[in-house]
Protein backbone atom coordinates (compact mmCIF):
# COMPACT_ATOMS: atom_id res chain seq x y z
CA MET A 1 20.81 183.56 41.55
CA ARG A 2 22.01 187.15 39.70
CA VAL A 3 24.28 186.77 36.47
CA GLN A 4 26.21 189.91 36.59
CA VAL A 5 26.31 191.07 32.49
CA LYS A 6 28.12 194.26 31.58
CA ALA A 7 26.78 195.72 28.03
CA GLU A 8 29.13 198.33 26.13
CA PRO A 9 28.27 201.84 27.83
CA LYS A 10 26.92 203.04 24.21
CA LEU A 11 24.45 200.23 24.28
CA VAL A 12 22.98 201.35 27.35
CA GLU A 13 23.49 205.12 26.06
CA ALA A 14 21.34 204.52 22.99
CA PHE A 15 18.69 202.37 25.08
CA THR A 16 18.32 205.33 27.73
CA LEU A 17 18.18 208.29 24.62
CA MET A 18 15.61 205.48 22.86
CA TRP A 19 13.47 204.32 25.54
CA GLY A 20 14.36 206.49 28.31
CA THR A 21 10.60 208.60 27.93
CA TYR A 22 8.69 205.93 26.22
CA PRO A 23 5.35 206.00 28.56
CA ALA A 24 5.48 201.83 28.77
CA PRO A 25 7.75 199.51 30.22
CA ALA A 26 10.82 199.45 28.16
CA SER A 27 13.74 197.34 28.92
CA LEU A 28 17.31 196.06 27.45
CA VAL A 29 17.91 192.43 28.35
CA HIS A 30 20.47 190.00 28.17
CA LYS A 31 20.25 186.32 26.21
CA SER A 32 20.94 185.39 29.92
CA ARG A 33 17.47 186.92 30.98
CA THR A 34 19.67 189.51 33.04
CA VAL A 35 17.72 193.01 32.75
CA ILE A 36 20.64 195.37 31.65
CA ALA A 37 18.43 198.69 31.57
CA VAL A 38 15.07 199.87 31.92
CA ASN A 39 13.19 202.98 31.41
CA GLU A 40 11.26 205.09 33.90
CA ALA A 41 8.12 203.52 33.59
CA CYS A 42 9.82 200.05 33.52
CA ARG A 43 11.40 201.02 36.78
CA LEU A 44 8.06 202.52 38.42
CA GLY A 45 6.63 199.42 38.09
CA GLY A 46 9.60 197.31 39.90
CA ARG A 47 11.77 196.32 37.05
CA GLU A 48 15.43 196.90 38.02
CA PRO A 49 18.48 196.56 36.45
CA GLY A 50 20.59 193.33 37.41
CA MET A 51 17.47 191.59 38.27
CA ASN A 52 16.16 188.49 35.84
CA CYS A 53 13.52 189.55 33.75
CA ALA A 54 11.11 186.13 35.28
CA GLU A 55 11.35 188.05 38.24
CA TRP A 56 9.41 191.30 37.54
CA ASP A 57 6.20 189.08 37.20
CA THR A 58 4.13 185.52 37.70
CA PRO A 59 5.97 182.59 36.17
CA ASP A 60 2.56 182.39 34.00
CA ARG A 61 2.88 185.19 32.35
CA HIS A 62 6.50 184.16 30.81
CA LYS A 63 5.10 181.21 29.45
CA GLY A 64 4.81 182.81 26.11
CA CYS A 65 8.27 184.01 26.32
CA ARG A 66 9.26 185.00 22.37
CA ALA A 67 13.18 186.12 23.82
CA ASN A 68 14.65 182.85 22.71
CA HIS A 69 12.98 183.31 19.28
CA ALA A 70 14.06 186.85 18.49
CA LEU A 71 17.66 186.03 19.57
CA ARG A 72 17.73 182.91 17.74
CA GLU A 73 16.48 184.85 14.68
CA GLN A 74 17.35 187.85 15.27
CA LYS A 75 14.24 189.31 14.41
CA ALA A 76 11.12 191.16 16.44
CA PHE A 77 8.52 188.65 17.95
CA HIS A 78 5.48 189.69 19.72
CA LYS A 79 2.37 188.36 21.58
CA GLU A 80 -0.68 189.62 22.61
CA VAL A 81 -1.72 189.44 26.31
CA ARG A 82 -5.26 190.19 28.33
CA ALA A 83 -4.54 192.13 31.33
CA ALA A 84 -5.50 194.96 33.88
CA GLY A 85 -8.67 194.77 32.07
CA GLY A 86 -6.88 195.88 28.57
CA VAL A 87 -5.10 194.15 25.49
CA PHE A 88 -1.28 194.67 25.29
CA ARG A 89 0.91 193.72 22.62
CA VAL A 90 4.36 192.35 24.20
CA TYR A 91 7.37 192.88 22.23
CA TRP A 92 11.39 191.40 21.96
CA LEU A 93 12.92 193.19 19.81
CA PRO A 94 16.73 191.81 19.15
CA VAL A 95 19.40 194.52 18.61
CA PRO A 96 21.71 194.78 15.78
CA ASP A 97 25.47 194.43 16.24
CA TYR A 98 24.83 192.87 19.50
CA PRO A 99 23.00 189.56 19.07
CA ASP A 100 23.11 188.67 22.88
CA PHE A 101 20.52 191.70 23.50
CA TYR A 102 17.05 192.24 23.33
CA VAL A 103 14.80 195.14 23.73
CA HIS A 104 11.68 193.82 25.92
CA PHE A 105 8.36 196.41 25.32
CA THR A 106 4.88 196.78 25.84
CA THR A 107 2.17 198.68 24.40
CA GLU A 108 -1.48 198.89 24.53
CA PHE A 109 -3.77 198.49 21.81
CA GLN A 110 -7.31 198.09 20.86
CA SER A 111 -7.93 194.10 19.74
CA THR A 112 -10.18 194.35 16.36
CA SER A 113 -11.50 190.81 17.37
CA ASP A 114 -13.53 192.78 20.39
């Protein structure tokens, strides 16, 4: 079931200004896990505003979700994921002054443990 969540237009605008051209998937997400906004890389990957973030991928990939930790502690959390032949770092960043929202994004990086 999709939950209807609205965000202040200035929050969506700030997300778009900061993350719109970021070359990897990034999304603005509400604590209900409703996706509020996505950048172009995220859209190309199939994520859209209004969907639940867990709809985007397999349930197994969400077992290590750190969103609750980021929202509760209001600090950034990340984890490393091996997928698609690479090693990625996945982040959950709480949004200052908007405690019910976080930015979820991914970076590819070279692991030093290989």
